[in-house]
C-alpha cells in the first residue's frame, strides 16, 4: 500500500502526542441508538465480486465480538483513520477508473465510496479493531442516491464513518436511510435494516 501505509504510520504516531480531551464532542456524552436489523438479504453485487477476487478479505471472524467497547484512544484512532483516508483517496467513479459502474476494490489514491470503506476497514482491522464491529453498510443519502459507509458497532451505539465528512456521527444523525449491512455472524452475509424494503431488491449501490 506504499504511500498509504507510510501516511497511516505517521498519522497513528501522532496519537501519542494527542491529549485525551481532543475527542470530538458528543461521542461520549450520549449513547446513540442502535440500528435495528431484520431478515437476511442479498449483498451488493460489487461486494460479491470483490469477495470472489479477494477471499482473504471476506473470511468469517472467530470471536464474534458484535459490539466493541471503546476507549478514548480507540476513538482517536477511528477519527484519525477516517479523516486520513478521506483526504488520501480522491473521489472518482468506477466508470471513470474501471469502465464499469460497480467495481469494489481497496484503493491506493482514488476510488468511490465503497473503495474508501474497504480501505478504512482494512486499516482499522490491522490496528486491532474486531471485524464483527466494522460492517460495510449501504444507505440512501438525503437525495435518494445509493451510498456506502462503514458502521462501527459499539456498546454505546452504532456510528458511521463516511467519506463525505470527517466527523463521526451516530447512524440516526447522518440524514441517511440505512438499507442493509454485513452480518456480525458472517461478513459474507448481509442483513436488511429497513423492513418495508427488505433489501433483497437492492443488488448494487449506484454509489458515489
Foldseek 3Di string as FASTA:
>chain_A
DPPLVVVLVVLLVCLVVDDLVPFDPPPPPAFFAAQDFDAWAAEAPQVVVACVVPVVLFFFDDPLPQAAADDSSNRSSLLSLLVSLLVQEAEDACCVVPVDRRHEDQDRRYYHQNNSLSVSLVVVVVVPDDNLQWKWWWWQALVRAIGIWIWGHHPRAIWTRGSVDSDIGGPVPRRIGTAKIAHSRGRNIMTGSDVVVRNHVCRHRSYD
